[in-house]
Amino acid sequence: MKLLVAVWLSFVACNLAGQQTPNPSSPPALAPGEVVNGIYRNAEFGFSYRIPYGWVDRTDEMKKDSGDSAKSTVFLALFEHPPEATTNDVNSAVVIAAESLSLYPGLKNAAQYFGPLGEVTTAKGLTAVNEPYEFPVDGKPVVRRDDTKQMGSLAMHQSTLAMLSRGYVLSLTFIGSNDEEVQRLLEWLKIGNPAKPAKNSSKVSQQ
């Protein structure tokens, strides 16, 4: 079964911006973050994520689809297998993106972000498991919602985290074949001011 997870995630993580009325003022482009010793760090938003060994990086491709990099950008797009490959299981994935709050007039808190997001996920055949709920990560205020999608004999489990920071909504999407796998992916997320790496650093790029 060929699961077009990359196409779907690109639409959810980036193209929601196209449904909104943009603000004519554009802030500077967001810094891409960097990878050091297998850990992605984003000092601007204060989080880090340990990249699963052997996973495929498609950040550059998804970033090209995000449009104005000052309004929306993909920081990280990781897949267990190449998205274009044919597999017999769910292609687990992690996508982290940011969108300017100017694209969501009236958005006051992270929970409200799941309103427009829910419209997209429902249209894509996902079913919400729960309403958005508080899910603090390292003591930071984060909101989470879980979804599932049945694909024949397979079930895709998705958890999306959202938080407001620096005039943006930061969304972190985790996909796996079951809740346990999604939870393991979540455990590699750290929110807090990551230490600035001293050396051996590189910007996120295609692998």
N, C-alpha and C. Protein backbone atom coordinates (compact mmCIF):
# COMPACT_ATOMS: atom_id res chain seq x y z
N MET A 1 0.86 -1.20 0.00
CA MET A 1 0.00 0.00 0.00
C MET A 1 0.89 1.24 0.00
N LYS A 2 0.62 2.14 -0.90
CA LYS A 2 1.39 3.38 -0.95
C LYS A 2 0.64 4.44 -0.18
N LEU A 3 1.20 4.89 0.93
CA LEU A 3 0.56 5.89 1.78
C LEU A 3 1.16 7.26 1.48
N LEU A 4 0.36 8.15 0.94
CA LEU A 4 0.86 9.46 0.55
C LEU A 4 0.84 10.41 1.73
N VAL A 5 1.56 10.01 2.77
CA VAL A 5 1.59 10.80 4.00
C VAL A 5 2.22 12.15 3.76
N ALA A 6 3.26 12.19 2.94
CA ALA A 6 3.97 13.46 2.73
C ALA A 6 3.06 14.50 2.12
N VAL A 7 2.28 14.11 1.13
CA VAL A 7 1.37 15.06 0.48
C VAL A 7 0.35 15.57 1.47
N TRP A 8 -0.22 14.66 2.24
CA TRP A 8 -1.25 15.05 3.20
C TRP A 8 -0.68 15.96 4.27
N LEU A 9 0.48 15.62 4.82
CA LEU A 9 1.07 16.43 5.88
C LEU A 9 1.45 17.81 5.36
N SER A 10 1.93 17.87 4.13
CA SER A 10 2.28 19.16 3.57
C SER A 10 1.06 20.07 3.52
N PHE A 11 -0.08 19.50 3.16
CA PHE A 11 -1.32 20.28 3.08
C PHE A 11 -1.73 20.76 4.46
N VAL A 12 -1.67 19.87 5.44
CA VAL A 12 -2.11 20.24 6.79
C VAL A 12 -1.16 21.21 7.44
N ALA A 13 0.14 20.93 7.36
CA ALA A 13 1.11 21.72 8.11
C ALA A 13 1.36 23.08 7.49
N CYS A 14 1.21 23.18 6.16
CA CYS A 14 1.61 24.41 5.50
C CYS A 14 0.48 25.15 4.84
N ASN A 15 -0.38 24.47 4.12
CA ASN A 15 -1.32 25.13 3.24
C ASN A 15 -2.58 25.60 3.92
N LEU A 16 -2.72 25.38 5.23
CA LEU A 16 -3.81 26.02 5.96
C LEU A 16 -3.72 27.53 5.79
N ALA A 17 -2.50 28.01 5.66
CA ALA A 17 -2.31 29.44 5.51
C ALA A 17 -3.04 29.98 4.29
N GLY A 18 -3.15 29.17 3.25
CA GLY A 18 -3.81 29.61 2.04
C GLY A 18 -5.29 29.81 2.21
N GLN A 19 -5.88 29.29 3.30
CA GLN A 19 -7.31 29.44 3.52
C GLN A 19 -7.63 30.71 4.28
N GLN A 20 -6.60 31.41 4.74
CA GLN A 20 -6.81 32.56 5.59
C GLN A 20 -6.56 33.85 4.82
N THR A 21 -6.95 34.97 5.42
CA THR A 21 -6.70 36.28 4.83
C THR A 21 -5.39 36.82 5.37
N PRO A 22 -4.36 36.92 4.54
CA PRO A 22 -3.06 37.31 5.04
C PRO A 22 -2.99 38.78 5.43
N ASN A 23 -2.11 39.07 6.36
CA ASN A 23 -1.81 40.42 6.77
C ASN A 23 -0.73 40.96 5.84
N PRO A 24 -0.88 42.16 5.31
CA PRO A 24 0.10 42.65 4.34
C PRO A 24 1.49 42.82 4.91
N SER A 25 1.64 43.01 6.22
CA SER A 25 2.96 43.17 6.81
C SER A 25 3.62 41.81 6.95
N SER A 26 4.89 41.71 6.57
CA SER A 26 5.60 40.44 6.61
C SER A 26 6.80 40.54 7.53
N PRO A 27 6.86 39.71 8.58
CA PRO A 27 8.03 39.69 9.45
C PRO A 27 9.19 39.02 8.73
N PRO A 28 10.40 39.13 9.27
CA PRO A 28 11.55 38.48 8.63
C PRO A 28 11.35 36.97 8.57
N ALA A 29 12.02 36.34 7.60
CA ALA A 29 11.95 34.88 7.47
C ALA A 29 12.47 34.22 8.75
N LEU A 30 11.85 33.12 9.10
CA LEU A 30 12.23 32.41 10.31
C LEU A 30 13.53 31.65 10.11
N ALA A 31 14.34 31.62 11.15
CA ALA A 31 15.58 30.84 11.10
C ALA A 31 15.24 29.36 11.01
N PRO A 32 15.98 28.58 10.20
CA PRO A 32 15.62 27.18 9.98
C PRO A 32 15.95 26.25 11.13
N GLY A 33 16.78 26.67 12.08
CA GLY A 33 17.24 25.74 13.10
C GLY A 33 18.41 24.94 12.57
N GLU A 34 18.96 24.06 13.41
CA GLU A 34 20.12 23.29 12.98
C GLU A 34 20.16 21.92 13.64
N VAL A 35 20.86 21.00 13.01
CA VAL A 35 20.99 19.64 13.51
C VAL A 35 22.40 19.44 14.02
N VAL A 36 22.53 18.97 15.26
CA VAL A 36 23.82 18.69 15.87
C VAL A 36 23.76 17.32 16.51
N ASN A 37 24.62 16.42 16.05
CA ASN A 37 24.69 15.08 16.64
C ASN A 37 23.32 14.39 16.67
N GLY A 38 22.59 14.53 15.59
CA GLY A 38 21.30 13.84 15.48
C GLY A 38 20.15 14.51 16.20
N ILE A 39 20.36 15.72 16.71
CA ILE A 39 19.30 16.45 17.41
C ILE A 39 19.04 17.77 16.69
N TYR A 40 17.78 17.99 16.30
CA TYR A 40 17.39 19.25 15.71
C TYR A 40 17.13 20.25 16.83
N ARG A 41 17.70 21.44 16.73
CA ARG A 41 17.50 22.48 17.73
C ARG A 41 17.00 23.76 17.06
N ASN A 42 16.00 24.36 17.70
CA ASN A 42 15.47 25.63 17.22
C ASN A 42 15.50 26.61 18.38
N ALA A 43 16.55 27.44 18.39
CA ALA A 43 16.72 28.38 19.50
C ALA A 43 15.67 29.47 19.48
N GLU A 44 15.17 29.84 18.30
CA GLU A 44 14.20 30.93 18.19
C GLU A 44 12.90 30.58 18.91
N PHE A 45 12.44 29.33 18.78
CA PHE A 45 11.22 28.90 19.44
C PHE A 45 11.48 28.06 20.69
N GLY A 46 12.75 27.76 20.96
CA GLY A 46 13.10 27.10 22.20
C GLY A 46 12.66 25.66 22.30
N PHE A 47 12.95 24.85 21.29
CA PHE A 47 12.63 23.42 21.39
C PHE A 47 13.69 22.61 20.65
N SER A 48 13.73 21.33 20.93
CA SER A 48 14.64 20.43 20.23
C SER A 48 13.94 19.10 20.01
N TYR A 49 14.43 18.34 19.02
CA TYR A 49 13.86 17.03 18.73
C TYR A 49 14.95 16.08 18.28
N ARG A 50 15.02 14.93 18.93
CA ARG A 50 16.00 13.91 18.54
C ARG A 50 15.48 13.17 17.32
N ILE A 51 16.25 13.18 16.25
CA ILE A 51 15.84 12.57 14.99
C ILE A 51 16.01 11.06 15.07
N PRO A 52 14.95 10.29 14.83
CA PRO A 52 15.08 8.83 14.86
C PRO A 52 16.13 8.34 13.86
N TYR A 53 16.96 7.44 14.29
CA TYR A 53 18.05 6.95 13.45
C TYR A 53 17.52 6.29 12.18
N GLY A 54 18.09 6.68 11.05
CA GLY A 54 17.74 6.06 9.78
C GLY A 54 16.52 6.66 9.10
N TRP A 55 15.87 7.62 9.72
CA TRP A 55 14.68 8.21 9.10
C TRP A 55 15.08 9.14 7.94
N VAL A 56 14.11 9.41 7.08
CA VAL A 56 14.33 10.20 5.87
C VAL A 56 13.90 11.65 6.13
N ASP A 57 14.76 12.58 5.77
CA ASP A 57 14.48 14.01 5.96
C ASP A 57 13.93 14.59 4.66
N ARG A 58 12.71 15.11 4.72
CA ARG A 58 12.10 15.75 3.55
C ARG A 58 11.72 17.20 3.86
N THR A 59 12.48 17.81 4.76
CA THR A 59 12.19 19.19 5.18
C THR A 59 12.25 20.16 4.00
N ASP A 60 13.27 20.05 3.19
CA ASP A 60 13.44 21.01 2.10
C ASP A 60 12.26 20.96 1.12
N GLU A 61 11.83 19.74 0.77
CA GLU A 61 10.73 19.61 -0.17
C GLU A 61 9.44 20.22 0.37
N MET A 62 9.13 19.95 1.63
CA MET A 62 7.90 20.48 2.21
C MET A 62 8.00 21.98 2.45
N LYS A 63 9.20 22.46 2.73
CA LYS A 63 9.38 23.89 2.95
C LYS A 63 9.08 24.68 1.68
N LYS A 64 9.42 24.10 0.52
CA LYS A 64 9.16 24.78 -0.74
C LYS A 64 7.67 25.00 -0.97
N ASP A 65 6.84 24.11 -0.40
CA ASP A 65 5.39 24.20 -0.58
C ASP A 65 4.73 25.15 0.41
N SER A 66 5.49 25.69 1.35
CA SER A 66 4.88 26.46 2.42
C SER A 66 4.64 27.92 2.07
N GLY A 67 5.11 28.35 0.89
CA GLY A 67 4.85 29.72 0.47
C GLY A 67 5.78 30.72 1.14
N ASP A 68 5.23 31.85 1.56
CA ASP A 68 5.99 32.92 2.19
C ASP A 68 6.64 32.40 3.47
N SER A 69 7.98 32.31 3.48
CA SER A 69 8.67 31.73 4.63
C SER A 69 8.56 32.58 5.89
N ALA A 70 8.16 33.85 5.74
CA ALA A 70 7.97 34.70 6.91
C ALA A 70 6.61 34.44 7.56
N LYS A 71 5.68 33.85 6.80
CA LYS A 71 4.34 33.61 7.32
C LYS A 71 4.12 32.15 7.70
N SER A 72 4.76 31.23 6.98
CA SER A 72 4.62 29.82 7.32
C SER A 72 5.85 29.07 6.84
N THR A 73 6.36 28.17 7.65
CA THR A 73 7.53 27.41 7.27
C THR A 73 7.54 26.05 7.96
N VAL A 74 8.18 25.10 7.33
CA VAL A 74 8.36 23.78 7.92
C VAL A 74 9.77 23.71 8.50
N PHE A 75 9.87 23.44 9.77
CA PHE A 75 11.17 23.31 10.41
C PHE A 75 11.74 21.90 10.26
N LEU A 76 10.85 20.91 10.30
CA LEU A 76 11.31 19.53 10.29
C LEU A 76 10.23 18.64 9.68
N ALA A 77 10.63 17.78 8.76
CA ALA A 77 9.71 16.82 8.14
C ALA A 77 10.45 15.50 8.00
N LEU A 78 10.15 14.56 8.88
CA LEU A 78 10.86 13.29 8.96
C LEU A 78 9.91 12.13 8.71
N PHE A 79 10.39 11.12 7.98
CA PHE A 79 9.58 9.95 7.66
C PHE A 79 10.40 8.68 7.90
N GLU A 80 9.72 7.65 8.39
CA GLU A 80 10.42 6.39 8.63
C GLU A 80 10.91 5.79 7.32
N HIS A 81 10.11 5.94 6.26
CA HIS A 81 10.47 5.46 4.92
C HIS A 81 10.30 6.61 3.94
N PRO A 82 10.97 6.57 2.80
CA PRO A 82 10.72 7.62 1.80
C PRO A 82 9.22 7.70 1.48
N PRO A 83 8.63 8.89 1.50
CA PRO A 83 7.18 9.01 1.28
C PRO A 83 6.71 8.44 -0.05
N GLU A 84 7.60 8.42 -1.05
CA GLU A 84 7.20 7.92 -2.36
C GLU A 84 7.30 6.40 -2.45
N ALA A 85 7.84 5.74 -1.42
CA ALA A 85 8.02 4.29 -1.46
C ALA A 85 6.70 3.56 -1.19
N THR A 86 6.59 2.36 -1.74
CA THR A 86 5.44 1.51 -1.49
C THR A 86 5.72 0.65 -0.26
N THR A 87 4.85 0.74 0.74
CA THR A 87 5.04 -0.03 1.96
C THR A 87 3.74 -0.72 2.35
N ASN A 88 3.84 -1.67 3.26
CA ASN A 88 2.66 -2.40 3.73
C ASN A 88 2.25 -1.97 5.13
N ASP A 89 2.78 -0.86 5.57
CA ASP A 89 2.42 -0.37 6.89
C ASP A 89 2.34 1.15 6.87
N VAL A 90 1.97 1.72 7.99
CA VAL A 90 1.89 3.18 8.10
C VAL A 90 3.30 3.76 8.09
N ASN A 91 3.50 4.76 7.29
CA ASN A 91 4.80 5.43 7.24
C ASN A 91 4.84 6.47 8.35
N SER A 92 5.42 6.11 9.46
CA SER A 92 5.48 7.00 10.61
C SER A 92 6.19 8.30 10.24
N ALA A 93 5.78 9.40 10.86
CA ALA A 93 6.31 10.70 10.46
C ALA A 93 6.26 11.70 11.60
N VAL A 94 7.10 12.71 11.48
CA VAL A 94 7.10 13.86 12.39
C VAL A 94 7.23 15.11 11.55
N VAL A 95 6.30 16.04 11.70
CA VAL A 95 6.36 17.31 10.97
C VAL A 95 6.16 18.45 11.97
N ILE A 96 7.10 19.38 11.96
CA ILE A 96 7.03 20.53 12.85
C ILE A 96 7.05 21.79 11.99
N ALA A 97 6.05 22.65 12.18
CA ALA A 97 5.90 23.83 11.33
C ALA A 97 5.44 25.02 12.16
N ALA A 98 5.58 26.20 11.60
CA ALA A 98 5.11 27.43 12.26
C ALA A 98 4.34 28.27 11.25
N GLU A 99 3.26 28.91 11.72
CA GLU A 99 2.46 29.79 10.89
C GLU A 99 2.21 31.09 11.65
N SER A 100 2.30 32.21 10.94
CA SER A 100 2.09 33.51 11.55
C SER A 100 0.65 33.64 12.06
N LEU A 101 0.50 34.22 13.23
CA LEU A 101 -0.84 34.45 13.77
C LEU A 101 -1.62 35.44 12.91
N SER A 102 -0.92 36.21 12.07
CA SER A 102 -1.62 37.14 11.19
C SER A 102 -2.48 36.41 10.18
N LEU A 103 -2.20 35.11 9.97
CA LEU A 103 -3.00 34.30 9.06
C LEU A 103 -4.28 33.80 9.70
N TYR A 104 -4.42 33.97 11.01
CA TYR A 104 -5.59 33.48 11.75
C TYR A 104 -6.18 34.61 12.58
N PRO A 105 -6.88 35.53 11.95
CA PRO A 105 -7.46 36.66 12.68
C PRO A 105 -8.35 36.17 13.82
N GLY A 106 -8.15 36.74 14.99
CA GLY A 106 -8.98 36.40 16.13
C GLY A 106 -8.48 35.20 16.94
N LEU A 107 -7.41 34.56 16.50
CA LEU A 107 -6.89 33.41 17.25
C LEU A 107 -6.27 33.89 18.55
N LYS A 108 -6.84 33.46 19.68
CA LYS A 108 -6.39 33.92 20.99
C LYS A 108 -5.57 32.89 21.74
N ASN A 109 -5.78 31.61 21.44
CA ASN A 109 -5.06 30.57 22.16
C ASN A 109 -4.85 29.37 21.25
N ALA A 110 -3.98 28.46 21.66
CA ALA A 110 -3.61 27.32 20.83
C ALA A 110 -4.79 26.40 20.55
N ALA A 111 -5.71 26.28 21.51
CA ALA A 111 -6.86 25.38 21.32
C ALA A 111 -7.70 25.79 20.12
N GLN A 112 -7.79 27.11 19.87
CA GLN A 112 -8.60 27.59 18.75
C GLN A 112 -8.00 27.19 17.39
N TYR A 113 -6.72 26.91 17.36
CA TYR A 113 -6.07 26.50 16.12
C TYR A 113 -6.66 25.20 15.57
N PHE A 114 -7.19 24.37 16.48
CA PHE A 114 -7.72 23.08 16.05
C PHE A 114 -9.08 23.21 15.37
N GLY A 115 -9.65 24.42 15.36
CA GLY A 115 -10.87 24.63 14.60
C GLY A 115 -10.62 24.51 13.10
N PRO A 116 -9.79 25.41 12.51
CA PRO A 116 -9.48 25.28 11.08
C PRO A 116 -8.71 24.00 10.76
N LEU A 117 -7.86 23.56 11.67
CA LEU A 117 -7.13 22.31 11.42
C LEU A 117 -8.09 21.14 11.34
N GLY A 118 -9.10 21.12 12.22
CA GLY A 118 -10.07 20.03 12.23
C GLY A 118 -10.86 19.93 10.94
N GLU A 119 -11.14 21.08 10.33
CA GLU A 119 -11.85 21.06 9.05
C GLU A 119 -11.04 20.34 7.99
N VAL A 120 -9.73 20.56 7.99
CA VAL A 120 -8.86 19.93 7.00
C VAL A 120 -8.72 18.43 7.28
N THR A 121 -8.47 18.07 8.53
CA THR A 121 -8.27 16.66 8.85
C THR A 121 -9.54 15.85 8.60
N THR A 122 -10.70 16.42 8.91
CA THR A 122 -11.96 15.73 8.65
C THR A 122 -12.15 15.50 7.16
N ALA A 123 -11.82 16.51 6.36
CA ALA A 123 -11.93 16.37 4.91
C ALA A 123 -10.99 15.30 4.38
N LYS A 124 -9.89 15.05 5.09
CA LYS A 124 -8.92 14.03 4.69
C LYS A 124 -9.24 12.65 5.25
N GLY A 125 -10.40 12.55 5.93
CA GLY A 125 -10.84 11.24 6.40
C GLY A 125 -10.40 10.87 7.79
N LEU A 126 -9.83 11.81 8.54
CA LEU A 126 -9.44 11.52 9.91
C LEU A 126 -10.60 11.77 10.86
N THR A 127 -10.61 11.04 11.95
CA THR A 127 -11.64 11.18 12.97
C THR A 127 -10.99 11.60 14.28
N ALA A 128 -11.50 12.66 14.88
CA ALA A 128 -10.95 13.12 16.15
C ALA A 128 -11.27 12.13 17.26
N VAL A 129 -10.27 11.79 18.03
CA VAL A 129 -10.43 10.89 19.17
C VAL A 129 -10.90 11.68 20.39
N ASN A 130 -10.51 12.94 20.48
CA ASN A 130 -10.84 13.76 21.64
C ASN A 130 -10.85 15.23 21.25
N GLU A 131 -11.36 16.04 22.14
CA GLU A 131 -11.28 17.48 21.99
C GLU A 131 -9.87 17.93 22.36
N PRO A 132 -9.43 19.10 21.88
CA PRO A 132 -8.11 19.59 22.29
C PRO A 132 -8.00 19.67 23.81
N TYR A 133 -6.86 19.25 24.33
CA TYR A 133 -6.67 19.25 25.78
C TYR A 133 -5.26 19.69 26.12
N GLU A 134 -5.08 20.16 27.35
CA GLU A 134 -3.78 20.62 27.79
C GLU A 134 -2.82 19.44 27.91
N PHE A 135 -1.62 19.63 27.37
CA PHE A 135 -0.62 18.58 27.37
C PHE A 135 0.75 19.23 27.57
N PRO A 136 1.04 19.67 28.79
CA PRO A 136 2.30 20.38 29.03
C PRO A 136 3.50 19.51 28.67
N VAL A 137 4.48 20.13 28.04
CA VAL A 137 5.73 19.45 27.72
C VAL A 137 6.86 20.22 28.40
N ASP A 138 7.55 19.55 29.30
CA ASP A 138 8.62 20.19 30.08
C ASP A 138 8.13 21.46 30.76
N GLY A 139 6.88 21.43 31.22
CA GLY A 139 6.31 22.55 31.95
C GLY A 139 5.81 23.68 31.08
N LYS A 140 5.89 23.55 29.75
CA LYS A 140 5.45 24.60 28.85
C LYS A 140 4.00 24.34 28.42
N PRO A 141 3.19 25.41 28.24
CA PRO A 141 1.78 25.24 27.87
C PRO A 141 1.63 24.78 26.42
N VAL A 142 1.12 23.58 26.24
CA VAL A 142 0.92 22.99 24.92
C VAL A 142 -0.49 22.39 24.89
N VAL A 143 -1.13 22.46 23.74
CA VAL A 143 -2.46 21.86 23.56
C VAL A 143 -2.32 20.71 22.56
N ARG A 144 -3.05 19.63 22.81
CA ARG A 144 -2.93 18.42 21.98
C ARG A 144 -4.30 17.91 21.54
N ARG A 145 -4.34 17.34 20.34
CA ARG A 145 -5.51 16.61 19.88
C ARG A 145 -5.05 15.36 19.14
N ASP A 146 -5.81 14.27 19.30
CA ASP A 146 -5.48 13.00 18.68
C ASP A 146 -6.53 12.64 17.64
N ASP A 147 -6.07 12.05 16.53
CA ASP A 147 -6.95 11.64 15.45
C ASP A 147 -6.55 10.25 14.98
N THR A 148 -7.46 9.58 14.31
CA THR A 148 -7.16 8.29 13.70
C THR A 148 -7.77 8.25 12.29
N LYS A 149 -7.24 7.36 11.48
CA LYS A 149 -7.80 7.12 10.15
C LYS A 149 -7.63 5.65 9.81
N GLN A 150 -8.73 5.00 9.46
CA GLN A 150 -8.68 3.59 9.08
C GLN A 150 -8.38 3.49 7.59
N MET A 151 -7.38 2.69 7.24
CA MET A 151 -6.98 2.49 5.85
C MET A 151 -6.91 0.99 5.58
N GLY A 152 -8.04 0.42 5.24
CA GLY A 152 -8.11 -1.02 5.07
C GLY A 152 -7.90 -1.71 6.40
N SER A 153 -6.92 -2.57 6.47
CA SER A 153 -6.62 -3.27 7.72
C SER A 153 -5.69 -2.47 8.62
N LEU A 154 -5.24 -1.30 8.14
CA LEU A 154 -4.31 -0.48 8.91
C LEU A 154 -5.03 0.70 9.54
N ALA A 155 -4.49 1.16 10.65
CA ALA A 155 -5.01 2.36 11.30
C ALA A 155 -3.87 3.34 11.49
N MET A 156 -4.07 4.56 11.04
CA MET A 156 -3.09 5.61 11.25
C MET A 156 -3.48 6.41 12.49
N HIS A 157 -2.54 6.59 13.39
CA HIS A 157 -2.77 7.36 14.61
C HIS A 157 -1.95 8.65 14.51
N GLN A 158 -2.60 9.75 14.78
CA GLN A 158 -1.95 11.05 14.68
C GLN A 158 -2.20 11.88 15.93
N SER A 159 -1.16 12.51 16.42
CA SER A 159 -1.28 13.46 17.52
C SER A 159 -0.66 14.78 17.07
N THR A 160 -1.40 15.86 17.25
CA THR A 160 -0.91 17.18 16.90
C THR A 160 -0.84 18.04 18.14
N LEU A 161 0.31 18.65 18.36
CA LEU A 161 0.52 19.57 19.47
C LEU A 161 0.60 20.99 18.91
N ALA A 162 0.09 21.96 19.65
CA ALA A 162 0.14 23.35 19.20
C ALA A 162 0.43 24.26 20.37
N MET A 163 1.21 25.29 20.11
CA MET A 163 1.48 26.32 21.12
C MET A 163 1.73 27.64 20.40
N LEU A 164 1.42 28.73 21.09
CA LEU A 164 1.64 30.06 20.54
C LEU A 164 2.96 30.61 21.06
N SER A 165 3.76 31.16 20.15
CA SER A 165 5.06 31.69 20.55
C SER A 165 5.55 32.70 19.52
N ARG A 166 6.00 33.86 20.00
CA ARG A 166 6.66 34.86 19.16
C ARG A 166 5.80 35.31 17.98
N GLY A 167 4.48 35.34 18.17
CA GLY A 167 3.59 35.77 17.10
C GLY A 167 3.28 34.70 16.09
N TYR A 168 3.56 33.43 16.42
CA TYR A 168 3.30 32.29 15.54
C TYR A 168 2.57 31.20 16.31
N VAL A 169 1.92 30.31 15.56
CA VAL A 169 1.43 29.08 16.12
C VAL A 169 2.38 27.98 15.67
N LEU A 170 2.97 27.31 16.62
CA LEU A 170 3.89 26.21 16.34
C LEU A 170 3.11 24.91 16.43
N SER A 171 3.09 24.14 15.33
CA SER A 171 2.37 22.87 15.31
C SER A 171 3.36 21.73 15.16
N LEU A 172 3.14 20.68 15.92
CA LEU A 172 4.02 19.51 15.92
C LEU A 172 3.14 18.28 15.72
N THR A 173 3.30 17.61 14.60
CA THR A 173 2.44 16.48 14.23
C THR A 173 3.24 15.18 14.24
N PHE A 174 2.69 14.18 14.91
CA PHE A 174 3.34 12.88 15.05
C PHE A 174 2.39 11.80 14.53
N ILE A 175 2.90 10.95 13.65
CA ILE A 175 2.07 9.90 13.04
C ILE A 175 2.72 8.55 13.27
N GLY A 176 1.90 7.57 13.65
CA GLY A 176 2.38 6.21 13.85
C GLY A 176 1.27 5.20 13.61
N SER A 177 1.61 3.94 13.74
CA SER A 177 0.64 2.87 13.49
C SER A 177 -0.20 2.56 14.72
N ASN A 178 0.18 3.09 15.89
CA ASN A 178 -0.59 2.90 17.11
C ASN A 178 -0.23 3.99 18.10
N ASP A 179 -0.99 4.06 19.18
CA ASP A 179 -0.77 5.11 20.18
C ASP A 179 0.60 5.00 20.84
N GLU A 180 1.06 3.76 21.05
CA GLU A 180 2.35 3.54 21.70
C GLU A 180 3.49 4.11 20.85
N GLU A 181 3.41 3.91 19.55
CA GLU A 181 4.45 4.44 18.67
C GLU A 181 4.43 5.96 18.67
N VAL A 182 3.25 6.55 18.61
CA VAL A 182 3.14 8.00 18.66
C VAL A 182 3.74 8.54 19.96
N GLN A 183 3.46 7.86 21.06
CA GLN A 183 3.99 8.30 22.35
C GLN A 183 5.51 8.25 22.37
N ARG A 184 6.09 7.21 21.76
CA ARG A 184 7.55 7.12 21.71
C ARG A 184 8.14 8.28 20.92
N LEU A 185 7.48 8.65 19.83
CA LEU A 185 7.95 9.78 19.04
C LEU A 185 7.85 11.08 19.83
N LEU A 186 6.80 11.21 20.61
CA LEU A 186 6.62 12.41 21.43
C LEU A 186 7.71 12.55 22.49
N GLU A 187 8.21 11.44 22.97
CA GLU A 187 9.18 11.49 24.06
C GLU A 187 10.51 12.10 23.64
N TRP A 188 10.76 12.20 22.34
CA TRP A 188 12.01 12.80 21.87
C TRP A 188 11.90 14.30 21.70
N LEU A 189 10.75 14.87 22.03
CA LEU A 189 10.55 16.31 21.96
C LEU A 189 10.91 16.95 23.30
N LYS A 190 11.70 18.00 23.26
CA LYS A 190 12.04 18.77 24.44
C LYS A 190 11.73 20.23 24.18
N ILE A 191 11.01 20.85 25.10
CA ILE A 191 10.69 22.27 24.96
C ILE A 191 11.35 23.03 26.10
N GLY A 192 12.11 24.01 25.74
CA GLY A 192 12.91 24.77 26.68
C GLY A 192 13.98 25.45 25.86
N ASN A 193 14.72 26.35 26.39
CA ASN A 193 15.71 27.07 25.62
C ASN A 193 16.89 26.15 25.34
N PRO A 194 17.00 25.56 24.13
CA PRO A 194 18.09 24.62 23.87
C PRO A 194 19.44 25.32 23.85
N ALA A 195 20.44 24.66 24.39
CA ALA A 195 21.77 25.24 24.42
C ALA A 195 22.31 25.41 23.01
N LYS A 196 23.03 26.50 22.79
CA LYS A 196 23.59 26.75 21.47
C LYS A 196 24.74 25.79 21.23
N PRO A 197 24.69 25.01 20.14
CA PRO A 197 25.75 24.04 19.88
C PRO A 197 27.07 24.74 19.57
N ALA A 198 28.15 24.11 19.98
CA ALA A 198 29.46 24.73 19.81
C ALA A 198 30.06 24.44 18.44
N LYS A 199 29.81 23.23 17.91
CA LYS A 199 30.42 22.88 16.63
C LYS A 199 29.69 21.72 16.01
N ASN A 200 30.16 21.30 14.83
CA ASN A 200 29.56 20.15 14.11
C ASN A 200 28.07 20.36 13.83
N SER A 201 27.70 21.59 13.58
CA SER A 201 26.28 21.87 13.34
C SER A 201 26.03 22.04 11.86
N SER A 202 24.79 21.84 11.47
CA SER A 202 24.40 22.02 10.08
C SER A 202 22.93 22.38 10.03
N LYS A 203 22.53 23.14 9.03
CA LYS A 203 21.13 23.45 8.84
C LYS A 203 20.40 22.18 8.41
N VAL A 204 19.11 22.14 8.70
CA VAL A 204 18.32 20.98 8.30
C VAL A 204 18.30 20.92 6.78
N SER A 205 18.58 19.77 6.23
CA SER A 205 18.58 19.59 4.79
C SER A 205 18.16 18.19 4.43
N GLN A 206 17.91 17.96 3.16
CA GLN A 206 17.48 16.66 2.69
C GLN A 206 18.57 15.63 2.90
N GLN A 207 18.15 14.41 3.30
CA GLN A 207 19.08 13.30 3.43
C GLN A 207 18.79 12.29 2.35
